Amino acid sequence: MASATGSAHGLRKAGAALAAENGATERQLMAIFGWTTMKEASRYTRAARQKVLAASGMKLLSREGGRPEREDGRNSNS
């Protein structure tokens, strides 16, 4: 069974990650979680940016290469 401290820490981590993924700035994270330095806040904003980059990069692994679709729903190079 997790300790009360461990559970609270996990909830803070999950909250910080969610806030960063939803666009919270480092200063906002600092205000929300009471951090006095940017170190902790930047960890979460960096991770959130990495997720966005990875998701957009994954599109490039398809046969279509992430090319935009035409209005008729087909790939522009089809």
PDB file of N, CA and C in Angstrom:
ATOM      1  N   MET A   1       0.845  -1.192   0.000  1.00  0.00           N
ATOM      2  CA  MET A   1       0.000   0.000   0.000  1.00  0.00           C
ATOM      3  C   MET A   1       0.881   1.244   0.000  1.00  0.00           C
ATOM      4  N   ALA A   2       0.550   2.235  -0.807  1.00  0.00           N
ATOM      5  CA  ALA A   2       1.352   3.455  -0.902  1.00  0.00           C
ATOM      6  C   ALA A   2       1.130   4.331   0.313  1.00  0.00           C
ATOM      7  N   SER A   3       2.182   5.022   0.700  1.00  0.00           N
ATOM      8  CA  SER A   3       2.058   5.938   1.824  1.00  0.00           C
ATOM      9  C   SER A   3       1.298   7.175   1.394  1.00  0.00           C
ATOM     10  N   ALA A   4       0.821   7.936   2.358  1.00  0.00           N
ATOM     11  CA  ALA A   4       0.092   9.162   2.046  1.00  0.00           C
ATOM     12  C   ALA A   4       0.991  10.128   1.287  1.00  0.00           C
ATOM     13  N   THR A   5       2.259  10.192   1.666  1.00  0.00           N
ATOM     14  CA  THR A   5       3.202  11.076   0.988  1.00  0.00           C
ATOM     15  C   THR A   5       3.403  10.625  -0.451  1.00  0.00           C
ATOM     16  N   GLY A   6       3.577   9.326  -0.661  1.00  0.00           N
ATOM     17  CA  GLY A   6       3.753   8.809  -2.010  1.00  0.00           C
ATOM     18  C   GLY A   6       2.558   9.087  -2.888  1.00  0.00           C
ATOM     19  N   SER A   7       1.374   8.929  -2.351  1.00  0.00           N
ATOM     20  CA  SER A   7       0.161   9.185  -3.123  1.00  0.00           C
ATOM     21  C   SER A   7       0.031  10.657  -3.483  1.00  0.00           C
ATOM     22  N   ALA A   8       0.306  11.537  -2.521  1.00  0.00           N
ATOM     23  CA  ALA A   8       0.222  12.976  -2.779  1.00  0.00           C
ATOM     24  C   ALA A   8       1.250  13.383  -3.824  1.00  0.00           C
ATOM     25  N   HIS A   9       2.438  12.806  -3.753  1.00  0.00           N
ATOM     26  CA  HIS A   9       3.481  13.120  -4.723  1.00  0.00           C
ATOM     27  C   HIS A   9       3.052  12.670  -6.122  1.00  0.00           C
ATOM     28  N   GLY A  10       2.483  11.480  -6.213  1.00  0.00           N
ATOM     29  CA  GLY A  10       2.011  10.982  -7.499  1.00  0.00           C
ATOM     30  C   GLY A  10       0.925  11.861  -8.086  1.00  0.00           C
ATOM     31  N   LEU A  11       0.036  12.338  -7.244  1.00  0.00           N
ATOM     32  CA  LEU A  11      -1.029  13.226  -7.717  1.00  0.00           C
ATOM     33  C   LEU A  11      -0.460  14.552  -8.193  1.00  0.00           C
ATOM     34  N   ARG A  12       0.535  15.079  -7.475  1.00  0.00           N
ATOM     35  CA  ARG A  12       1.172  16.333  -7.910  1.00  0.00           C
ATOM     36  C   ARG A  12       1.855  16.149  -9.253  1.00  0.00           C
ATOM     37  N   LYS A  13       2.564  15.025  -9.414  1.00  0.00           N
ATOM     38  CA  LYS A  13       3.243  14.753 -10.679  1.00  0.00           C
ATOM     39  C   LYS A  13       2.232  14.656 -11.822  1.00  0.00           C
ATOM     40  N   ALA A  14       1.148  13.923 -11.591  1.00  0.00           N
ATOM     41  CA  ALA A  14       0.122  13.764 -12.625  1.00  0.00           C
ATOM     42  C   ALA A  14      -0.517  15.107 -12.960  1.00  0.00           C
ATOM     43  N   GLY A  15      -0.774  15.913 -11.942  1.00  0.00           N
ATOM     44  CA  GLY A  15      -1.364  17.236 -12.157  1.00  0.00           C
ATOM     45  C   GLY A  15      -0.438  18.152 -12.931  1.00  0.00           C
ATOM     46  N   ALA A  16       0.842  18.122 -12.585  1.00  0.00           N
ATOM     47  CA  ALA A  16       1.819  18.966 -13.277  1.00  0.00           C
ATOM     48  C   ALA A  16       1.958  18.534 -14.733  1.00  0.00           C
ATOM     49  N   ALA A  17       1.994  17.236 -14.974  1.00  0.00           N
ATOM     50  CA  ALA A  17       2.107  16.737 -16.346  1.00  0.00           C
ATOM     51  C   ALA A  17       0.875  17.139 -17.156  1.00  0.00           C
ATOM     52  N   LEU A  18      -0.304  16.970 -16.585  1.00  0.00           N
ATOM     53  CA  LEU A  18      -1.540  17.321 -17.280  1.00  0.00           C
ATOM     54  C   LEU A  18      -1.597  18.813 -17.584  1.00  0.00           C
ATOM     55  N   ALA A  19      -1.243  19.632 -16.600  1.00  0.00           N
ATOM     56  CA  ALA A  19      -1.263  21.080 -16.807  1.00  0.00           C
ATOM     57  C   ALA A  19      -0.290  21.481 -17.914  1.00  0.00           C
ATOM     58  N   ALA A  20       0.914  20.907 -17.900  1.00  0.00           N
ATOM     59  CA  ALA A  20       1.911  21.222 -18.930  1.00  0.00           C
ATOM     60  C   ALA A  20       1.430  20.773 -20.304  1.00  0.00           C
ATOM     61  N   GLU A  21       0.847  19.590 -20.376  1.00  0.00           N
ATOM     62  CA  GLU A  21       0.335  19.091 -21.659  1.00  0.00           C
ATOM     63  C   GLU A  21      -0.816  19.938 -22.179  1.00  0.00           C
ATOM     64  N   ASN A  22      -1.525  20.600 -21.269  1.00  0.00           N
ATOM     65  CA  ASN A  22      -2.630  21.475 -21.667  1.00  0.00           C
ATOM     66  C   ASN A  22      -2.165  22.908 -21.903  1.00  0.00           C
ATOM     67  N   GLY A  23      -0.824  23.123 -21.872  1.00  0.00           N
ATOM     68  CA  GLY A  23      -0.289  24.427 -22.240  1.00  0.00           C
ATOM     69  C   GLY A  23       0.142  25.330 -21.107  1.00  0.00           C
ATOM     70  N   ALA A  24       0.178  24.847 -19.877  1.00  0.00           N
ATOM     71  CA  ALA A  24       0.619  25.684 -18.761  1.00  0.00           C
ATOM     72  C   ALA A  24       2.079  26.081 -18.958  1.00  0.00           C
ATOM     73  N   THR A  25       2.388  27.311 -18.641  1.00  0.00           N
ATOM     74  CA  THR A  25       3.762  27.792 -18.738  1.00  0.00           C
ATOM     75  C   THR A  25       4.526  27.388 -17.476  1.00  0.00           C
ATOM     76  N   GLU A  26       5.844  27.560 -17.523  1.00  0.00           N
ATOM     77  CA  GLU A  26       6.657  27.261 -16.352  1.00  0.00           C
ATOM     78  C   GLU A  26       6.236  28.123 -15.179  1.00  0.00           C
ATOM     79  N   ARG A  27       5.995  29.399 -15.426  1.00  0.00           N
ATOM     80  CA  ARG A  27       5.567  30.308 -14.338  1.00  0.00           C
ATOM     81  C   ARG A  27       4.214  29.885 -13.757  1.00  0.00           C
ATOM     82  N   GLN A  28       3.309  29.440 -14.612  1.00  0.00           N
ATOM     83  CA  GLN A  28       2.013  28.972 -14.118  1.00  0.00           C
ATOM     84  C   GLN A  28       2.180  27.726 -13.258  1.00  0.00           C
ATOM     85  N   LEU A  29       3.016  26.792 -13.715  1.00  0.00           N
ATOM     86  CA  LEU A  29       3.257  25.592 -12.917  1.00  0.00           C
ATOM     87  C   LEU A  29       3.867  25.953 -11.569  1.00  0.00           C
ATOM     88  N   MET A  30       4.793  26.905 -11.568  1.00  0.00           N
ATOM     89  CA  MET A  30       5.410  27.337 -10.316  1.00  0.00           C
ATOM     90  C   MET A  30       4.354  27.890  -9.363  1.00  0.00           C
ATOM     91  N   ALA A  31       3.438  28.680  -9.896  1.00  0.00           N
ATOM     92  CA  ALA A  31       2.387  29.270  -9.062  1.00  0.00           C
ATOM     93  C   ALA A  31       1.429  28.204  -8.534  1.00  0.00           C
ATOM     94  N   ILE A  32       1.057  27.272  -9.401  1.00  0.00           N
ATOM     95  CA  ILE A  32       0.105  26.231  -9.007  1.00  0.00           C
ATOM     96  C   ILE A  32       0.687  25.322  -7.932  1.00  0.00           C
ATOM     97  N   PHE A  33       1.944  24.906  -8.131  1.00  0.00           N
ATOM     98  CA  PHE A  33       2.529  23.888  -7.255  1.00  0.00           C
ATOM     99  C   PHE A  33       3.464  24.436  -6.188  1.00  0.00           C
ATOM    100  N   GLY A  34       3.631  25.742  -6.158  1.00  0.00           N
ATOM    101  CA  GLY A  34       4.424  26.360  -5.102  1.00  0.00           C
ATOM    102  C   GLY A  34       5.928  26.183  -5.257  1.00  0.00           C
ATOM    103  N   TRP A  35       6.376  25.908  -6.467  1.00  0.00           N
ATOM    104  CA  TRP A  35       7.814  25.752  -6.697  1.00  0.00           C
ATOM    105  C   TRP A  35       8.451  27.129  -6.735  1.00  0.00           C
ATOM    106  N   THR A  36       9.677  27.228  -6.219  1.00  0.00           N
ATOM    107  CA  THR A  36      10.372  28.520  -6.174  1.00  0.00           C
ATOM    108  C   THR A  36      11.434  28.660  -7.252  1.00  0.00           C
ATOM    109  N   THR A  37      11.752  27.571  -7.941  1.00  0.00           N
ATOM    110  CA  THR A  37      12.720  27.639  -9.044  1.00  0.00           C
ATOM    111  C   THR A  37      12.089  27.056 -10.301  1.00  0.00           C
ATOM    112  N   MET A  38      12.678  27.388 -11.429  1.00  0.00           N
ATOM    113  CA  MET A  38      12.176  26.904 -12.714  1.00  0.00           C
ATOM    114  C   MET A  38      12.528  25.441 -12.965  1.00  0.00           C
ATOM    115  N   LYS A  39      13.457  24.895 -12.214  1.00  0.00           N
ATOM    116  CA  LYS A  39      13.976  23.551 -12.499  1.00  0.00           C
ATOM    117  C   LYS A  39      12.859  22.512 -12.611  1.00  0.00           C
ATOM    118  N   GLU A  40      12.008  22.433 -11.624  1.00  0.00           N
ATOM    119  CA  GLU A  40      10.941  21.429 -11.633  1.00  0.00           C
ATOM    120  C   GLU A  40       9.923  21.728 -12.723  1.00  0.00           C
ATOM    121  N   ALA A  41       9.546  22.982 -12.864  1.00  0.00           N
ATOM    122  CA  ALA A  41       8.554  23.368 -13.864  1.00  0.00           C
ATOM    123  C   ALA A  41       9.049  23.065 -15.274  1.00  0.00           C
ATOM    124  N   SER A  42      10.316  23.343 -15.528  1.00  0.00           N
ATOM    125  CA  SER A  42      10.830  23.115 -16.876  1.00  0.00           C
ATOM    126  C   SER A  42      10.893  21.628 -17.204  1.00  0.00           C
ATOM    127  N   ARG A  43      11.031  20.785 -16.207  1.00  0.00           N
ATOM    128  CA  ARG A  43      11.006  19.329 -16.440  1.00  0.00           C
ATOM    129  C   ARG A  43       9.677  18.927 -17.076  1.00  0.00           C
ATOM    130  N   TYR A  44       8.587  19.479 -16.577  1.00  0.00           N
ATOM    131  CA  TYR A  44       7.259  19.118 -17.081  1.00  0.00           C
ATOM    132  C   TYR A  44       6.964  19.766 -18.430  1.00  0.00           C
ATOM    133  N   THR A  45       7.364  21.021 -18.625  1.00  0.00           N
ATOM    134  CA  THR A  45       7.098  21.651 -19.914  1.00  0.00           C
ATOM    135  C   THR A  45       7.950  21.010 -21.008  1.00  0.00           C
ATOM    136  N   ARG A  46       9.180  20.615 -20.699  1.00  0.00           N
ATOM    137  CA  ARG A  46      10.019  19.912 -21.678  1.00  0.00           C
ATOM    138  C   ARG A  46       9.393  18.580 -22.070  1.00  0.00           C
ATOM    139  N   ALA A  47       8.913  17.838 -21.078  1.00  0.00           N
ATOM    140  CA  ALA A  47       8.283  16.538 -21.355  1.00  0.00           C
ATOM    141  C   ALA A  47       7.027  16.715 -22.212  1.00  0.00           C
ATOM    142  N   ALA A  48       6.254  17.756 -21.935  1.00  0.00           N
ATOM    143  CA  ALA A  48       5.038  18.011 -22.715  1.00  0.00           C
ATOM    144  C   ALA A  48       5.395  18.348 -24.163  1.00  0.00           C
ATOM    145  N   ARG A  49       6.429  19.180 -24.365  1.00  0.00           N
ATOM    146  CA  ARG A  49       6.862  19.513 -25.729  1.00  0.00           C
ATOM    147  C   ARG A  49       7.363  18.271 -26.459  1.00  0.00           C
ATOM    148  N   GLN A  50       8.067  17.415 -25.739  1.00  0.00           N
ATOM    149  CA  GLN A  50       8.584  16.183 -26.343  1.00  0.00           C
ATOM    150  C   GLN A  50       7.442  15.296 -26.827  1.00  0.00           C
ATOM    151  N   LYS A  51       6.368  15.220 -26.041  1.00  0.00           N
ATOM    152  CA  LYS A  51       5.204  14.425 -26.442  1.00  0.00           C
ATOM    153  C   LYS A  51       4.591  14.949 -27.732  1.00  0.00           C
ATOM    154  N   VAL A  52       4.476  16.267 -27.829  1.00  0.00           N
ATOM    155  CA  VAL A  52       3.902  16.885 -29.027  1.00  0.00           C
ATOM    156  C   VAL A  52       4.792  16.603 -30.238  1.00  0.00           C
ATOM    157  N   LEU A  53       6.112  16.760 -30.069  1.00  0.00           N
ATOM    158  CA  LEU A  53       7.041  16.491 -31.166  1.00  0.00           C
ATOM    159  C   LEU A  53       6.981  15.031 -31.600  1.00  0.00           C
ATOM    160  N   ALA A  54       6.924  14.136 -30.633  1.00  0.00           N
ATOM    161  CA  ALA A  54       6.865  12.712 -30.962  1.00  0.00           C
ATOM    162  C   ALA A  54       5.588  12.380 -31.724  1.00  0.00           C
ATOM    163  N   ALA A  55       4.476  12.924 -31.280  1.00  0.00           N
ATOM    164  CA  ALA A  55       3.198  12.652 -31.950  1.00  0.00           C
ATOM    165  C   ALA A  55       3.214  13.172 -33.383  1.00  0.00           C
ATOM    166  N   SER A  56       3.754  14.380 -33.585  1.00  0.00           N
ATOM    167  CA  SER A  56       3.787  14.905 -34.946  1.00  0.00           C
ATOM    168  C   SER A  56       4.786  14.134 -35.805  1.00  0.00           C
ATOM    169  N   GLY A  57       5.863  13.664 -35.217  1.00  0.00           N
ATOM    170  CA  GLY A  57       6.838  12.876 -35.952  1.00  0.00           C
ATOM    171  C   GLY A  57       6.308  11.515 -36.342  1.00  0.00           C
ATOM    172  N   MET A  58       5.474  10.922 -35.526  1.00  0.00           N
ATOM    173  CA  MET A  58       4.909   9.607 -35.835  1.00  0.00           C
ATOM    174  C   MET A  58       4.109   9.632 -37.126  1.00  0.00           C
ATOM    175  N   LYS A  59       3.500  10.759 -37.434  1.00  0.00           N
ATOM    176  CA  LYS A  59       2.734  10.884 -38.677  1.00  0.00           C
ATOM    177  C   LYS A  59       3.633  10.701 -39.895  1.00  0.00           C
ATOM    178  N   LEU A  60       4.903  11.025 -39.740  1.00  0.00           N
ATOM    179  CA  LEU A  60       5.843  10.930 -40.859  1.00  0.00           C
ATOM    180  C   LEU A  60       6.246   9.487 -41.155  1.00  0.00           C
ATOM    181  N   LEU A  61       5.884   8.563 -40.281  1.00  0.00           N
ATOM    182  CA  LEU A  61       6.208   7.160 -40.482  1.00  0.00           C
ATOM    183  C   LEU A  61       5.189   6.428 -41.348  1.00  0.00           C
ATOM    184  N   SER A  62       4.100   7.089 -41.696  1.00  0.00           N
ATOM    185  CA  SER A  62       3.096   6.442 -42.537  1.00  0.00           C
ATOM    186  C   SER A  62       3.526   6.509 -44.000  1.00  0.00           C
ATOM    187  N   ARG A  63       2.911   5.698 -44.826  1.00  0.00           N
ATOM    188  CA  ARG A  63       3.225   5.708 -46.257  1.00  0.00           C
ATOM    189  C   ARG A  63       2.940   7.073 -46.880  1.00  0.00           C
ATOM    190  N   GLU A  64       1.961   7.777 -46.346  1.00  0.00           N
ATOM    191  CA  GLU A  64       1.604   9.087 -46.885  1.00  0.00           C
ATOM    192  C   GLU A  64       2.573  10.154 -46.410  1.00  0.00           C
ATOM    193  N   GLY A  65       3.388   9.847 -45.399  1.00  0.00           N
ATOM    194  CA  GLY A  65       4.388  10.792 -44.938  1.00  0.00           C
ATOM    195  C   GLY A  65       3.832  12.049 -44.317  1.00  0.00           C
ATOM    196  N   GLY A  66       2.603  11.991 -43.852  1.00  0.00           N
ATOM    197  CA  GLY A  66       2.011  13.157 -43.213  1.00  0.00           C
ATOM    198  C   GLY A  66       1.580  14.237 -44.183  1.00  0.00           C
ATOM    199  N   ARG A  67       1.530  13.906 -45.492  1.00  0.00           N
ATOM    200  CA  ARG A  67       1.110  14.903 -46.467  1.00  0.00           C
ATOM    201  C   ARG A  67      -0.360  15.233 -46.253  1.00  0.00           C
ATOM    202  N   PRO A  68      -0.733  16.482 -46.499  1.00  0.00           N
ATOM    203  CA  PRO A  68      -2.141  16.872 -46.302  1.00  0.00           C
ATOM    204  C   PRO A  68      -3.055  16.161 -47.291  1.00  0.00           C
ATOM    205  N   GLU A  69      -4.276  15.928 -46.860  1.00  0.00           N
ATOM    206  CA  GLU A  69      -5.264  15.291 -47.730  1.00  0.00           C
ATOM    207  C   GLU A  69      -5.971  16.346 -48.560  1.00  0.00           C
ATOM    208  N   ARG A  70      -6.447  15.898 -49.736  1.00  0.00           N
ATOM    209  CA  ARG A  70      -7.248  16.785 -50.566  1.00  0.00           C
ATOM    210  C   ARG A  70      -8.650  16.844 -49.987  1.00  0.00           C
ATOM    211  N   GLU A  71      -9.434  17.752 -50.527  1.00  0.00           N
ATOM    212  CA  GLU A  71     -10.815  17.901 -50.054  1.00  0.00           C
ATOM    213  C   GLU A  71     -11.627  16.643 -50.265  1.00  0.00           C
ATOM    214  N   ASP A  72     -11.282  15.828 -51.287  1.00  0.00           N
ATOM    215  CA  ASP A  72     -12.041  14.607 -51.525  1.00  0.00           C
ATOM    216  C   ASP A  72     -11.591  13.465 -50.618  1.00  0.00           C
ATOM    217  N   GLY A  73     -10.678  13.785 -49.674  1.00  0.00           N
ATOM    218  CA  GLY A  73     -10.255  12.776 -48.696  1.00  0.00           C
ATOM    219  C   GLY A  73      -9.050  11.976 -49.096  1.00  0.00           C
ATOM    220  N   ARG A  74      -8.588  12.148 -50.352  1.00  0.00           N
ATOM    221  CA  ARG A  74      -7.415  11.402 -50.817  1.00  0.00           C
ATOM    222  C   ARG A  74      -6.157  12.211 -50.514  1.00  0.00           C
ATOM    223  N   ASN A  75      -5.053  11.543 -50.488  1.00  0.00           N
ATOM    224  CA  ASN A  75      -3.773  12.196 -50.277  1.00  0.00           C
ATOM    225  C   ASN A  75      -3.457  13.079 -51.476  1.00  0.00           C
ATOM    226  N   SER A  76      -2.784  14.199 -51.265  1.00  0.00           N
ATOM    227  CA  SER A  76      -2.537  15.151 -52.342  1.00  0.00           C
ATOM    228  C   SER A  76      -1.662  14.590 -53.457  1.00  0.00           C
ATOM    229  N   ASN A  77      -0.884  13.530 -53.184  1.00  0.00           N
ATOM    230  CA  ASN A  77      -0.035  12.933 -54.214  1.00  0.00           C
ATOM    231  C   ASN A  77      -0.607  11.614 -54.743  1.00  0.00           C
ATOM    232  N   SER A  78      -1.864  11.342 -54.504  1.00  0.00           N
ATOM    233  CA  SER A  78      -2.477  10.093 -54.953  1.00  0.00           C
ATOM    234  C   SER A  78      -2.908  10.196 -56.394  1.00  0.00           C
TER     235      SER A  78
END
